[in-house]
N, C-alpha and C. Protein backbone atom coordinates (compact mmCIF):
# COMPACT_ATOMS: atom_id res chain seq x y z
N MET A 1 0.90 -1.12 0.02
CA MET A 1 -0.04 -0.03 0.01
C MET A 1 0.88 1.24 0.06
N LEU A 2 0.48 2.24 -0.71
CA LEU A 2 1.18 3.52 -0.76
C LEU A 2 0.23 4.65 -0.37
N ASN A 3 0.69 5.50 0.62
CA ASN A 3 0.00 6.61 1.07
C ASN A 3 0.78 7.85 0.85
N TRP A 4 0.11 8.98 0.55
CA TRP A 4 0.73 10.24 0.27
C TRP A 4 -0.12 11.31 0.94
N ASP A 5 0.59 12.44 1.30
CA ASP A 5 -0.13 13.52 1.90
C ASP A 5 0.66 14.78 1.49
N LEU A 6 -0.05 15.88 1.25
CA LEU A 6 0.54 17.11 0.93
C LEU A 6 0.34 18.09 2.03
N LYS A 7 1.39 18.66 2.60
CA LYS A 7 1.31 19.66 3.63
C LYS A 7 1.92 20.90 3.20
N LYS A 8 1.23 22.08 3.28
CA LYS A 8 1.78 23.38 2.94
C LYS A 8 2.17 24.06 4.17
N ASN A 9 3.38 24.69 4.10
CA ASN A 9 3.83 25.59 5.17
C ASN A 9 4.03 26.92 4.58
N ASP A 10 4.60 27.87 5.34
CA ASP A 10 4.75 29.20 4.80
C ASP A 10 5.70 29.25 3.62
N ASP A 11 6.73 28.46 3.66
CA ASP A 11 7.78 28.66 2.60
C ASP A 11 7.94 27.44 1.78
N LYS A 12 7.25 26.36 2.04
CA LYS A 12 7.44 25.12 1.22
C LYS A 12 6.22 24.25 1.21
N ILE A 13 6.23 23.29 0.37
CA ILE A 13 5.25 22.22 0.37
C ILE A 13 5.91 20.93 0.63
N ALA A 14 5.44 20.12 1.49
CA ALA A 14 6.05 18.81 1.78
C ALA A 14 5.09 17.68 1.23
N LEU A 15 5.54 16.82 0.40
CA LEU A 15 4.84 15.68 -0.12
C LEU A 15 5.41 14.51 0.70
N LEU A 16 4.57 13.95 1.50
CA LEU A 16 4.98 12.80 2.41
C LEU A 16 4.48 11.49 1.76
N LEU A 17 5.45 10.60 1.55
CA LEU A 17 5.12 9.32 0.96
C LEU A 17 5.42 8.27 2.03
N SER A 18 4.51 7.26 2.05
CA SER A 18 4.82 6.16 3.02
C SER A 18 4.25 4.87 2.43
N GLY A 19 4.88 3.78 2.87
CA GLY A 19 4.51 2.47 2.41
C GLY A 19 5.39 1.94 1.29
N GLU A 20 4.79 1.30 0.21
CA GLU A 20 5.57 0.71 -0.80
C GLU A 20 5.35 1.52 -2.06
N LEU A 21 6.46 2.05 -2.68
CA LEU A 21 6.37 2.73 -3.90
C LEU A 21 6.85 1.69 -5.02
N SER A 22 5.86 1.02 -5.60
CA SER A 22 6.17 -0.01 -6.48
C SER A 22 5.17 -0.13 -7.67
N ARG A 23 5.39 -1.03 -8.61
CA ARG A 23 4.51 -1.19 -9.74
C ARG A 23 3.11 -1.60 -9.23
N ASN A 24 3.04 -2.23 -8.08
CA ASN A 24 1.69 -2.75 -7.63
C ASN A 24 0.99 -1.62 -6.92
N THR A 25 1.61 -0.54 -6.48
CA THR A 25 0.90 0.44 -5.67
C THR A 25 0.80 1.81 -6.36
N LEU A 26 1.42 1.93 -7.50
CA LEU A 26 1.47 3.31 -8.14
C LEU A 26 0.20 3.86 -8.77
N LEU A 27 -0.66 2.95 -9.29
CA LEU A 27 -1.70 3.43 -10.07
C LEU A 27 -2.61 4.47 -9.40
N PRO A 28 -3.06 4.37 -8.16
CA PRO A 28 -3.83 5.42 -7.58
C PRO A 28 -3.13 6.71 -7.54
N MET A 29 -1.80 6.76 -7.10
CA MET A 29 -1.17 8.02 -7.05
C MET A 29 -0.86 8.62 -8.42
N TRP A 30 -0.68 7.75 -9.40
CA TRP A 30 -0.40 8.21 -10.80
C TRP A 30 -1.70 8.80 -11.39
N GLN A 31 -2.84 8.34 -11.04
CA GLN A 31 -4.13 8.78 -11.45
C GLN A 31 -4.48 10.11 -10.77
N GLN A 32 -3.85 10.40 -9.58
CA GLN A 32 -4.16 11.61 -8.93
C GLN A 32 -3.01 12.61 -8.99
N ARG A 33 -2.02 12.38 -9.82
CA ARG A 33 -0.88 13.23 -9.93
C ARG A 33 -1.21 14.71 -10.16
N ASP A 34 -2.30 14.90 -10.95
CA ASP A 34 -2.66 16.34 -11.20
C ASP A 34 -3.09 17.12 -9.95
N VAL A 35 -3.56 16.35 -8.99
CA VAL A 35 -3.91 16.98 -7.71
C VAL A 35 -2.69 17.59 -7.02
N PHE A 36 -1.56 16.90 -7.04
CA PHE A 36 -0.38 17.45 -6.32
C PHE A 36 0.72 17.94 -7.18
N LEU A 37 0.59 17.83 -8.48
CA LEU A 37 1.62 18.29 -9.42
C LEU A 37 1.19 19.42 -10.33
N SER A 38 0.04 20.01 -9.93
CA SER A 38 -0.38 21.17 -10.76
C SER A 38 0.14 22.44 -10.23
N ALA A 39 0.21 23.42 -11.02
CA ALA A 39 0.75 24.79 -10.60
C ALA A 39 -0.02 25.33 -9.46
N ASN A 40 -1.34 25.13 -9.43
CA ASN A 40 -2.19 25.54 -8.33
C ASN A 40 -1.78 24.88 -7.00
N ALA A 41 -1.60 23.56 -7.03
CA ALA A 41 -1.22 22.83 -5.85
C ALA A 41 0.17 23.20 -5.38
N LEU A 42 1.09 23.36 -6.27
CA LEU A 42 2.41 23.71 -5.98
C LEU A 42 2.77 25.25 -6.00
N ASP A 43 2.07 25.93 -5.15
CA ASP A 43 2.19 27.32 -5.18
C ASP A 43 3.28 27.90 -4.34
N LYS A 44 4.20 27.07 -3.81
CA LYS A 44 5.36 27.52 -3.07
C LYS A 44 6.58 27.16 -3.92
N THR A 45 7.70 27.86 -3.69
CA THR A 45 8.86 27.71 -4.46
C THR A 45 9.64 26.42 -4.22
N VAL A 46 9.59 25.92 -2.94
CA VAL A 46 10.33 24.71 -2.57
C VAL A 46 9.38 23.57 -2.38
N ILE A 47 9.67 22.43 -2.96
CA ILE A 47 8.92 21.21 -2.88
C ILE A 47 9.75 20.19 -2.26
N GLU A 48 9.44 19.67 -1.08
CA GLU A 48 10.20 18.64 -0.35
C GLU A 48 9.41 17.33 -0.53
N TRP A 49 10.12 16.33 -1.06
CA TRP A 49 9.55 14.97 -1.14
C TRP A 49 10.08 14.19 0.04
N ASP A 50 9.25 14.01 1.06
CA ASP A 50 9.67 13.32 2.24
C ASP A 50 9.47 11.73 2.03
N LEU A 51 10.51 11.05 1.93
CA LEU A 51 10.49 9.72 1.69
C LEU A 51 10.76 8.76 2.96
N SER A 52 10.71 9.43 4.14
CA SER A 52 11.09 8.77 5.35
C SER A 52 10.15 7.48 5.58
N GLY A 53 8.94 7.57 5.08
CA GLY A 53 7.98 6.49 5.33
C GLY A 53 7.98 5.34 4.29
N ILE A 54 8.84 5.46 3.30
CA ILE A 54 8.91 4.47 2.21
C ILE A 54 9.69 3.25 2.76
N GLN A 55 8.98 2.12 2.67
CA GLN A 55 9.43 0.85 3.17
C GLN A 55 10.17 0.02 2.01
N HIS A 56 9.62 0.26 0.84
CA HIS A 56 10.16 -0.52 -0.36
C HIS A 56 9.94 0.33 -1.63
N ILE A 57 11.02 0.29 -2.46
CA ILE A 57 10.80 1.01 -3.79
C ILE A 57 11.40 0.06 -4.83
N ASP A 58 10.69 -0.19 -5.84
CA ASP A 58 11.19 -1.01 -6.99
C ASP A 58 11.50 -0.03 -8.20
N SER A 59 11.91 -0.56 -9.37
CA SER A 59 12.28 0.22 -10.47
C SER A 59 11.23 1.03 -11.04
N ALA A 60 9.98 0.53 -10.94
CA ALA A 60 8.79 1.30 -11.39
C ALA A 60 8.55 2.44 -10.54
N GLY A 61 8.70 2.24 -9.18
CA GLY A 61 8.47 3.34 -8.23
C GLY A 61 9.58 4.38 -8.41
N PHE A 62 10.77 3.97 -8.63
CA PHE A 62 11.91 4.86 -8.86
C PHE A 62 11.66 5.78 -10.15
N ALA A 63 11.16 5.10 -11.13
CA ALA A 63 10.89 5.82 -12.44
C ALA A 63 9.80 6.86 -12.24
N ALA A 64 8.74 6.44 -11.51
CA ALA A 64 7.61 7.33 -11.25
C ALA A 64 8.10 8.52 -10.45
N LEU A 65 8.91 8.24 -9.44
CA LEU A 65 9.45 9.27 -8.53
C LEU A 65 10.30 10.27 -9.40
N CYS A 66 11.11 9.84 -10.28
CA CYS A 66 11.91 10.66 -11.13
C CYS A 66 10.96 11.48 -12.04
N ASP A 67 9.97 10.88 -12.57
CA ASP A 67 8.99 11.69 -13.34
C ASP A 67 8.31 12.69 -12.52
N PHE A 68 7.84 12.41 -11.28
CA PHE A 68 7.18 13.46 -10.45
C PHE A 68 8.24 14.59 -10.19
N LEU A 69 9.50 14.23 -9.92
CA LEU A 69 10.46 15.35 -9.62
C LEU A 69 10.73 16.17 -10.85
N ARG A 70 10.78 15.60 -12.00
CA ARG A 70 10.95 16.29 -13.20
C ARG A 70 9.74 17.25 -13.53
N GLU A 71 8.54 16.81 -13.18
CA GLU A 71 7.36 17.64 -13.39
C GLU A 71 7.36 18.93 -12.45
N CYS A 72 7.94 18.67 -11.24
CA CYS A 72 8.17 19.87 -10.29
C CYS A 72 9.17 20.80 -10.83
N GLN A 73 10.20 20.27 -11.42
CA GLN A 73 11.31 21.15 -11.95
C GLN A 73 10.76 21.88 -13.15
N LYS A 74 9.87 21.34 -13.96
CA LYS A 74 9.29 22.03 -15.12
C LYS A 74 8.44 23.20 -14.71
N LEU A 75 7.98 23.14 -13.49
CA LEU A 75 7.20 24.29 -12.94
C LEU A 75 8.16 25.26 -12.16
N ASN A 76 9.47 25.16 -12.43
CA ASN A 76 10.46 26.03 -11.82
C ASN A 76 10.47 26.02 -10.29
N LYS A 77 10.32 24.80 -9.77
CA LYS A 77 10.37 24.67 -8.33
C LYS A 77 11.68 24.05 -7.90
N THR A 78 12.11 24.43 -6.67
CA THR A 78 13.31 23.78 -6.09
C THR A 78 12.78 22.52 -5.44
N VAL A 79 13.46 21.39 -5.86
CA VAL A 79 13.02 20.12 -5.40
C VAL A 79 14.07 19.53 -4.46
N ARG A 80 13.60 19.05 -3.32
CA ARG A 80 14.37 18.43 -2.27
C ARG A 80 13.89 17.02 -1.97
N LEU A 81 14.81 16.05 -1.94
CA LEU A 81 14.47 14.70 -1.43
C LEU A 81 14.81 14.68 0.05
N VAL A 82 13.97 14.34 0.90
CA VAL A 82 14.13 14.31 2.33
C VAL A 82 14.03 12.85 2.81
N TYR A 83 15.12 12.39 3.49
CA TYR A 83 15.15 11.03 3.94
C TYR A 83 14.95 9.96 2.93
N PRO A 84 15.69 10.06 1.79
CA PRO A 84 15.52 9.00 0.77
C PRO A 84 15.97 7.67 1.25
N PRO A 85 15.36 6.60 0.83
CA PRO A 85 15.85 5.27 1.26
C PRO A 85 17.33 5.10 0.58
N LYS A 86 18.06 4.35 1.32
CA LYS A 86 19.44 4.08 0.81
C LYS A 86 19.52 3.48 -0.49
N THR A 87 18.49 2.73 -0.87
CA THR A 87 18.41 1.96 -2.14
C THR A 87 18.37 2.86 -3.35
N ILE A 88 18.00 4.13 -3.15
CA ILE A 88 17.86 5.04 -4.29
C ILE A 88 18.96 6.13 -4.26
N ILE A 89 19.72 6.24 -3.21
CA ILE A 89 20.76 7.28 -3.18
C ILE A 89 21.83 7.15 -4.19
N ASN A 90 22.37 6.03 -4.39
CA ASN A 90 23.47 5.82 -5.36
C ASN A 90 22.97 6.00 -6.80
N PRO A 91 21.79 5.35 -7.11
CA PRO A 91 21.36 5.61 -8.57
C PRO A 91 21.01 7.13 -8.78
N CYS A 92 20.55 7.81 -7.78
CA CYS A 92 20.16 9.25 -7.90
C CYS A 92 21.37 10.11 -8.21
N ARG A 93 22.52 9.73 -7.69
CA ARG A 93 23.72 10.60 -7.93
C ARG A 93 24.09 10.68 -9.44
N SER A 94 23.57 9.74 -10.22
CA SER A 94 23.88 9.77 -11.65
C SER A 94 22.71 10.38 -12.42
N CYS A 95 21.69 10.71 -11.75
CA CYS A 95 20.51 11.36 -12.49
C CYS A 95 20.60 12.78 -12.61
N TRP A 96 19.68 13.37 -13.29
CA TRP A 96 19.67 14.75 -13.57
C TRP A 96 19.39 15.63 -12.45
N PHE A 97 18.79 15.12 -11.30
CA PHE A 97 18.26 16.00 -10.32
C PHE A 97 19.21 16.11 -9.13
N VAL A 98 20.51 15.62 -9.22
CA VAL A 98 21.37 15.75 -8.15
C VAL A 98 22.25 17.00 -8.50
């Protein structure tokens, strides 16, 4: 199961993910991506993706996360990964968003 929540503060938006980010759990979040990836939803300059609650991530989850981060950058947002699982730190170092 994958849960997500959007919290707005004065200076940033935090997207909190918890559970399993995998091929088996992505569909509901993917279908609702316009809710949290629209210019209206992302009305702050800094977007933090809090991954502290992620228990498992597979290649499909990683690809979706990269796509979500890219969409935030297209909206000229500063993107931060907070508490990323160790399984994605090394691959991320070679990606565009580091």
